[in-house]
C-alpha cells in the first residue's frame, strides 16, 4: 500500500489529505502546530458529515476515511 504524507494542515493540506484518505490511501498529515492538526481533522469531519447528509457517502465511509488519516 502506498502511504501519503501531506505537510501542512491548512485549507489546502486538509483537502488533499481528505481526498487521498477517502480514496483508500493511508495519510500522514503533518504540521508544526497541533492546533492546526486539530482544526484540520474537525474540518475534514465536517465536510464528510455534509457528504453523509447529502447521501453522497455512508456514515461507515466517513469513519473509514477518518481512520485513514494519522496526525
PDB file of N, CA and C in Angstrom:
ATOM      1  N   UNK A   1       0.837  -1.181   0.000  1.00  0.00           N
ATOM      2  CA  UNK A   1       0.000   0.000   0.000  1.00  0.00           C
ATOM      3  C   UNK A   1       0.880   1.241   0.000  1.00  0.00           C
ATOM      4  N   UNK A   2       0.452   2.226  -0.693  1.00  0.00           N
ATOM      5  CA  UNK A   2       1.165   3.498  -0.764  1.00  0.00           C
ATOM      6  C   UNK A   2       0.744   4.371   0.412  1.00  0.00           C
ATOM      7  N   UNK A   3       1.719   4.946   1.087  1.00  0.00           N
ATOM      8  CA  UNK A   3       1.456   5.896   2.163  1.00  0.00           C
ATOM      9  C   UNK A   3       1.682   7.301   1.635  1.00  0.00           C
ATOM     10  N   UNK A   4       0.806   8.203   2.014  1.00  0.00           N
ATOM     11  CA  UNK A   4       0.872   9.589   1.571  1.00  0.00           C
ATOM     12  C   UNK A   4       1.228  10.469   2.764  1.00  0.00           C
ATOM     13  N   UNK A   5       2.129  11.415   2.578  1.00  0.00           N
ATOM     14  CA  UNK A   5       2.440  12.413   3.604  1.00  0.00           C
ATOM     15  C   UNK A   5       2.027  13.775   3.059  1.00  0.00           C
ATOM     16  N   UNK A   6       1.242  14.486   3.834  1.00  0.00           N
ATOM     17  CA  UNK A   6       0.824  15.842   3.474  1.00  0.00           C
ATOM     18  C   UNK A   6       1.418  16.765   4.533  1.00  0.00           C
ATOM     19  N   UNK A   7       2.252  17.682   4.098  1.00  0.00           N
ATOM     20  CA  UNK A   7       2.901  18.611   5.014  1.00  0.00           C
ATOM     21  C   UNK A   7       2.137  19.930   4.976  1.00  0.00           C
ATOM     22  N   UNK A   8       1.596  20.283   6.113  1.00  0.00           N
ATOM     23  CA  UNK A   8       0.784  21.494   6.225  1.00  0.00           C
ATOM     24  C   UNK A   8      -0.686  21.124   6.323  1.00  0.00           C
ATOM     25  N   UNK A   9      -1.313  21.489   7.430  1.00  0.00           N
ATOM     26  CA  UNK A   9      -2.702  21.104   7.677  1.00  0.00           C
ATOM     27  C   UNK A   9      -3.676  22.249   7.430  1.00  0.00           C
ATOM     28  N   UNK A  10      -3.257  23.227   6.649  1.00  0.00           N
ATOM     29  CA  UNK A  10      -4.145  24.347   6.338  1.00  0.00           C
ATOM     30  C   UNK A  10      -5.240  23.937   5.369  1.00  0.00           C
ATOM     31  N   UNK A  11      -5.878  24.903   4.763  1.00  0.00           N
ATOM     32  CA  UNK A  11      -7.002  24.659   3.856  1.00  0.00           C
ATOM     33  C   UNK A  11      -6.644  23.675   2.755  1.00  0.00           C
ATOM     34  N   UNK A  12      -5.543  23.884   2.111  1.00  0.00           N
ATOM     35  CA  UNK A  12      -5.141  23.020   1.013  1.00  0.00           C
ATOM     36  C   UNK A  12      -4.695  21.646   1.520  1.00  0.00           C
ATOM     37  N   UNK A  13      -3.923  21.633   2.581  1.00  0.00           N
ATOM     38  CA  UNK A  13      -3.411  20.376   3.119  1.00  0.00           C
ATOM     39  C   UNK A  13      -4.508  19.460   3.617  1.00  0.00           C
ATOM     40  N   UNK A  14      -5.490  20.017   4.336  1.00  0.00           N
ATOM     41  CA  UNK A  14      -6.546  19.144   4.834  1.00  0.00           C
ATOM     42  C   UNK A  14      -7.431  18.647   3.703  1.00  0.00           C
ATOM     43  N   UNK A  15      -7.586  19.442   2.660  1.00  0.00           N
ATOM     44  CA  UNK A  15      -8.350  18.999   1.499  1.00  0.00           C
ATOM     45  C   UNK A  15      -7.661  17.863   0.769  1.00  0.00           C
ATOM     46  N   UNK A  16      -6.348  17.972   0.621  1.00  0.00           N
ATOM     47  CA  UNK A  16      -5.575  16.916  -0.037  1.00  0.00           C
ATOM     48  C   UNK A  16      -5.621  15.636   0.794  1.00  0.00           C
ATOM     49  N   UNK A  17      -5.438  15.762   2.100  1.00  0.00           N
ATOM     50  CA  UNK A  17      -5.499  14.597   2.988  1.00  0.00           C
ATOM     51  C   UNK A  17      -6.874  13.929   2.905  1.00  0.00           C
ATOM     52  N   UNK A  18      -7.921  14.737   2.895  1.00  0.00           N
ATOM     53  CA  UNK A  18      -9.299  14.239   2.809  1.00  0.00           C
ATOM     54  C   UNK A  18      -9.495  13.407   1.546  1.00  0.00           C
ATOM     55  N   UNK A  19      -9.109  13.935   0.412  1.00  0.00           N
ATOM     56  CA  UNK A  19      -9.323  13.247  -0.863  1.00  0.00           C
ATOM     57  C   UNK A  19      -8.525  11.948  -0.930  1.00  0.00           C
ATOM     58  N   UNK A  20      -7.274  11.981  -0.529  1.00  0.00           N
ATOM     59  CA  UNK A  20      -6.469  10.750  -0.553  1.00  0.00           C
ATOM     60  C   UNK A  20      -7.058   9.697   0.378  1.00  0.00           C
ATOM     61  N   UNK A  21      -7.415  10.096   1.606  1.00  0.00           N
ATOM     62  CA  UNK A  21      -7.969   9.142   2.576  1.00  0.00           C
ATOM     63  C   UNK A  21      -9.299   8.573   2.088  1.00  0.00           C
ATOM     64  N   UNK A  22     -10.117   9.414   1.488  1.00  0.00           N
ATOM     65  CA  UNK A  22     -11.418   8.960   1.003  1.00  0.00           C
ATOM     66  C   UNK A  22     -11.269   7.974  -0.152  1.00  0.00           C
ATOM     67  N   UNK A  23     -10.131   8.019  -0.808  1.00  0.00           N
ATOM     68  CA  UNK A  23      -9.873   7.101  -1.915  1.00  0.00           C
ATOM     69  C   UNK A  23      -9.007   5.915  -1.503  1.00  0.00           C
ATOM     70  N   UNK A  24      -8.914   5.672  -0.194  1.00  0.00           N
ATOM     71  CA  UNK A  24      -8.301   4.452   0.301  1.00  0.00           C
ATOM     72  C   UNK A  24      -6.826   4.500   0.657  1.00  0.00           C
ATOM     73  N   UNK A  25      -6.211   5.668   0.588  1.00  0.00           N
ATOM     74  CA  UNK A  25      -4.795   5.782   0.925  1.00  0.00           C
ATOM     75  C   UNK A  25      -4.623   6.063   2.411  1.00  0.00           C
ATOM     76  N   UNK A  26      -3.554   5.540   2.988  1.00  0.00           N
ATOM     77  CA  UNK A  26      -3.172   5.900   4.352  1.00  0.00           C
ATOM     78  C   UNK A  26      -2.438   7.227   4.280  1.00  0.00           C
ATOM     79  N   UNK A  27      -2.860   8.193   5.100  1.00  0.00           N
ATOM     80  CA  UNK A  27      -2.326   9.555   5.018  1.00  0.00           C
ATOM     81  C   UNK A  27      -1.723   9.966   6.361  1.00  0.00           C
ATOM     82  N   UNK A  28      -0.523  10.511   6.310  1.00  0.00           N
ATOM     83  CA  UNK A  28       0.094  11.160   7.471  1.00  0.00           C
ATOM     84  C   UNK A  28      -0.015  12.654   7.244  1.00  0.00           C
ATOM     85  N   UNK A  29      -0.813  13.310   8.068  1.00  0.00           N
ATOM     86  CA  UNK A  29      -0.980  14.758   7.985  1.00  0.00           C
ATOM     87  C   UNK A  29      -0.022  15.387   8.989  1.00  0.00           C
ATOM     88  N   UNK A  30       0.874  16.233   8.503  1.00  0.00           N
ATOM     89  CA  UNK A  30       1.969  16.757   9.311  1.00  0.00           C
ATOM     90  C   UNK A  30       1.889  18.286   9.381  1.00  0.00           C
ATOM     91  N   UNK A  31       2.018  18.815  10.584  1.00  0.00           N
ATOM     92  CA  UNK A  31       2.079  20.261  10.765  1.00  0.00           C
ATOM     93  C   UNK A  31       2.855  20.528  12.051  1.00  0.00           C
ATOM     94  N   UNK A  32       3.476  21.685  12.139  1.00  0.00           N
ATOM     95  CA  UNK A  32       4.243  22.026  13.339  1.00  0.00           C
ATOM     96  C   UNK A  32       3.331  22.449  14.489  1.00  0.00           C
ATOM     97  N   UNK A  33       2.097  22.799  14.179  1.00  0.00           N
ATOM     98  CA  UNK A  33       1.150  23.260  15.184  1.00  0.00           C
ATOM     99  C   UNK A  33       0.065  22.215  15.428  1.00  0.00           C
ATOM    100  N   UNK A  34      -0.033  21.722  16.649  1.00  0.00           N
ATOM    101  CA  UNK A  34      -1.059  20.719  16.945  1.00  0.00           C
ATOM    102  C   UNK A  34      -2.460  21.300  16.795  1.00  0.00           C
ATOM    103  N   UNK A  35      -2.613  22.594  17.041  1.00  0.00           N
ATOM    104  CA  UNK A  35      -3.923  23.239  16.865  1.00  0.00           C
ATOM    105  C   UNK A  35      -4.355  23.190  15.405  1.00  0.00           C
ATOM    106  N   UNK A  36      -3.410  23.322  14.488  1.00  0.00           N
ATOM    107  CA  UNK A  36      -3.737  23.253  13.059  1.00  0.00           C
ATOM    108  C   UNK A  36      -4.192  21.847  12.685  1.00  0.00           C
ATOM    109  N   UNK A  37      -3.567  20.839  13.279  1.00  0.00           N
ATOM    110  CA  UNK A  37      -3.969  19.455  13.014  1.00  0.00           C
ATOM    111  C   UNK A  37      -5.371  19.188  13.560  1.00  0.00           C
ATOM    112  N   UNK A  38      -5.652  19.690  14.756  1.00  0.00           N
ATOM    113  CA  UNK A  38      -6.984  19.521  15.340  1.00  0.00           C
ATOM    114  C   UNK A  38      -8.046  20.181  14.466  1.00  0.00           C
ATOM    115  N   UNK A  39      -7.766  21.406  14.035  1.00  0.00           N
ATOM    116  CA  UNK A  39      -8.713  22.133  13.186  1.00  0.00           C
ATOM    117  C   UNK A  39      -8.901  21.412  11.855  1.00  0.00           C
ATOM    118  N   UNK A  40      -7.826  20.881  11.292  1.00  0.00           N
ATOM    119  CA  UNK A  40      -7.917  20.163  10.024  1.00  0.00           C
ATOM    120  C   UNK A  40      -8.814  18.938  10.155  1.00  0.00           C
ATOM    121  N   UNK A  41      -8.647  18.185  11.230  1.00  0.00           N
ATOM    122  CA  UNK A  41      -9.477  16.991  11.427  1.00  0.00           C
ATOM    123  C   UNK A  41     -10.940  17.380  11.637  1.00  0.00           C
ATOM    124  N   UNK A  42     -11.192  18.481  12.333  1.00  0.00           N
ATOM    125  CA  UNK A  42     -12.563  18.951  12.503  1.00  0.00           C
ATOM    126  C   UNK A  42     -13.173  19.357  11.165  1.00  0.00           C
ATOM    127  N   UNK A  43     -12.386  20.023  10.341  1.00  0.00           N
ATOM    128  CA  UNK A  43     -12.863  20.444   9.018  1.00  0.00           C
ATOM    129  C   UNK A  43     -13.164  19.238   8.144  1.00  0.00           C
ATOM    130  N   UNK A  44     -12.273  18.262   8.144  1.00  0.00           N
ATOM    131  CA  UNK A  44     -12.487  17.052   7.342  1.00  0.00           C
ATOM    132  C   UNK A  44     -13.746  16.332   7.815  1.00  0.00           C
ATOM    133  N   UNK A  45     -13.917  16.205   9.127  1.00  0.00           N
ATOM    134  CA  UNK A  45     -15.108  15.535   9.673  1.00  0.00           C
ATOM    135  C   UNK A  45     -16.376  16.290   9.275  1.00  0.00           C
ATOM    136  N   UNK A  46     -16.334  17.610   9.336  1.00  0.00           N
ATOM    137  CA  UNK A  46     -17.492  18.430   8.953  1.00  0.00           C
ATOM    138  C   UNK A  46     -17.824  18.244   7.471  1.00  0.00           C
ATOM    139  N   UNK A  47     -16.800  18.221   6.634  1.00  0.00           N
ATOM    140  CA  UNK A  47     -17.028  18.017   5.200  1.00  0.00           C
ATOM    141  C   UNK A  47     -17.589  16.630   4.924  1.00  0.00           C
ATOM    142  N   UNK A  48     -17.098  15.631   5.649  1.00  0.00           N
ATOM    143  CA  UNK A  48     -17.633  14.274   5.491  1.00  0.00           C
ATOM    144  C   UNK A  48     -19.078  14.208   5.979  1.00  0.00           C
ATOM    145  N   UNK A  49     -19.392  14.902   7.079  1.00  0.00           N
ATOM    146  CA  UNK A  49     -20.771  14.960   7.570  1.00  0.00           C
ATOM    147  C   UNK A  49     -21.698  15.540   6.504  1.00  0.00           C
ATOM    148  N   UNK A  50     -21.220  16.547   5.802  1.00  0.00           N
ATOM    149  CA  UNK A  50     -22.004  17.161   4.727  1.00  0.00           C
ATOM    150  C   UNK A  50     -22.264  16.142   3.618  1.00  0.00           C
ATOM    151  N   UNK A  51     -21.252  15.345   3.290  1.00  0.00           N
ATOM    152  CA  UNK A  51     -21.424  14.317   2.263  1.00  0.00           C
ATOM    153  C   UNK A  51     -22.400  13.238   2.725  1.00  0.00           C
ATOM    154  N   UNK A  52     -22.365  12.886   4.000  1.00  0.00           N
ATOM    155  CA  UNK A  52     -23.311  11.901   4.540  1.00  0.00           C
ATOM    156  C   UNK A  52     -24.735  12.464   4.461  1.00  0.00           C
ATOM    157  N   UNK A  53     -24.912  13.727   4.844  1.00  0.00           N
ATOM    158  CA  UNK A  53     -26.232  14.357   4.830  1.00  0.00           C
ATOM    159  C   UNK A  53     -26.824  14.409   3.419  1.00  0.00           C
ATOM    160  N   UNK A  54     -25.966  14.547   2.428  1.00  0.00           N
ATOM    161  CA  UNK A  54     -26.421  14.591   1.030  1.00  0.00           C
ATOM    162  C   UNK A  54     -26.489  13.204   0.401  1.00  0.00           C
ATOM    163  N   UNK A  55     -26.252  12.168   1.204  1.00  0.00           N
ATOM    164  CA  UNK A  55     -26.260  10.770   0.745  1.00  0.00           C
ATOM    165  C   UNK A  55     -25.231  10.494  -0.350  1.00  0.00           C
ATOM    166  N   UNK A  56     -24.145  11.254  -0.336  1.00  0.00           N
ATOM    167  CA  UNK A  56     -23.038  11.013  -1.267  1.00  0.00           C
ATOM    168  C   UNK A  56     -22.211   9.831  -0.779  1.00  0.00           C
ATOM    169  N   UNK A  57     -22.037   9.758   0.547  1.00  0.00           N
ATOM    170  CA  UNK A  57     -21.335   8.635   1.173  1.00  0.00           C
ATOM    171  C   UNK A  57     -22.172   8.143   2.351  1.00  0.00           C
ATOM    172  N   UNK A  58     -21.798   7.008   2.904  1.00  0.00           N
ATOM    173  CA  UNK A  58     -22.471   6.464   4.083  1.00  0.00           C
ATOM    174  C   UNK A  58     -21.647   6.814   5.328  1.00  0.00           C
ATOM    175  N   UNK A  59     -22.264   6.701   6.487  1.00  0.00           N
ATOM    176  CA  UNK A  59     -21.572   7.008   7.740  1.00  0.00           C
ATOM    177  C   UNK A  59     -20.342   6.117   7.919  1.00  0.00           C
ATOM    178  N   UNK A  60     -20.426   4.876   7.468  1.00  0.00           N
ATOM    179  CA  UNK A  60     -19.279   3.965   7.563  1.00  0.00           C
ATOM    180  C   UNK A  60     -18.116   4.463   6.707  1.00  0.00           C
ATOM    181  N   UNK A  61     -18.428   5.086   5.573  1.00  0.00           N
ATOM    182  CA  UNK A  61     -17.381   5.657   4.712  1.00  0.00           C
ATOM    183  C   UNK A  61     -16.674   6.811   5.421  1.00  0.00           C
ATOM    184  N   UNK A  62     -17.442   7.602   6.153  1.00  0.00           N
ATOM    185  CA  UNK A  62     -16.859   8.702   6.924  1.00  0.00           C
ATOM    186  C   UNK A  62     -15.872   8.149   7.943  1.00  0.00           C
ATOM    187  N   UNK A  63     -16.310   7.143   8.697  1.00  0.00           N
ATOM    188  CA  UNK A  63     -15.456   6.545   9.714  1.00  0.00           C
ATOM    189  C   UNK A  63     -14.190   5.952   9.108  1.00  0.00           C
ATOM    190  N   UNK A  64     -14.346   5.279   7.972  1.00  0.00           N
ATOM    191  CA  UNK A  64     -13.192   4.662   7.298  1.00  0.00           C
ATOM    192  C   UNK A  64     -12.215   5.720   6.817  1.00  0.00           C
ATOM    193  N   UNK A  65     -12.738   6.826   6.309  1.00  0.00           N
ATOM    194  CA  UNK A  65     -11.882   7.911   5.829  1.00  0.00           C
ATOM    195  C   UNK A  65     -11.098   8.520   6.980  1.00  0.00           C
ATOM    196  N   UNK A  66     -11.771   8.813   8.079  1.00  0.00           N
ATOM    197  CA  UNK A  66     -11.078   9.418   9.230  1.00  0.00           C
ATOM    198  C   UNK A  66     -10.031   8.474   9.800  1.00  0.00           C
ATOM    199  N   UNK A  67     -10.302   7.182   9.753  1.00  0.00           N
ATOM    200  CA  UNK A  67      -9.343   6.193  10.266  1.00  0.00           C
ATOM    201  C   UNK A  67      -8.083   6.116   9.414  1.00  0.00           C
ATOM    202  N   UNK A  68      -8.161   6.554   8.171  1.00  0.00           N
ATOM    203  CA  UNK A  68      -7.007   6.519   7.270  1.00  0.00           C
ATOM    204  C   UNK A  68      -6.051   7.691   7.492  1.00  0.00           C
ATOM    205  N   UNK A  69      -6.478   8.683   8.277  1.00  0.00           N
ATOM    206  CA  UNK A  69      -5.659   9.881   8.489  1.00  0.00           C
ATOM    207  C   UNK A  69      -4.980   9.798   9.857  1.00  0.00           C
ATOM    208  N   UNK A  70      -3.659   9.893   9.837  1.00  0.00           N
ATOM    209  CA  UNK A  70      -2.858   9.887  11.053  1.00  0.00           C
ATOM    210  C   UNK A  70      -2.207  11.251  11.210  1.00  0.00           C
ATOM    211  N   UNK A  71      -2.370  11.855  12.386  1.00  0.00           N
ATOM    212  CA  UNK A  71      -1.764  13.173  12.631  1.00  0.00           C
ATOM    213  C   UNK A  71      -0.582  13.050  13.553  1.00  0.00           C
TER     214      UNK A  71
END
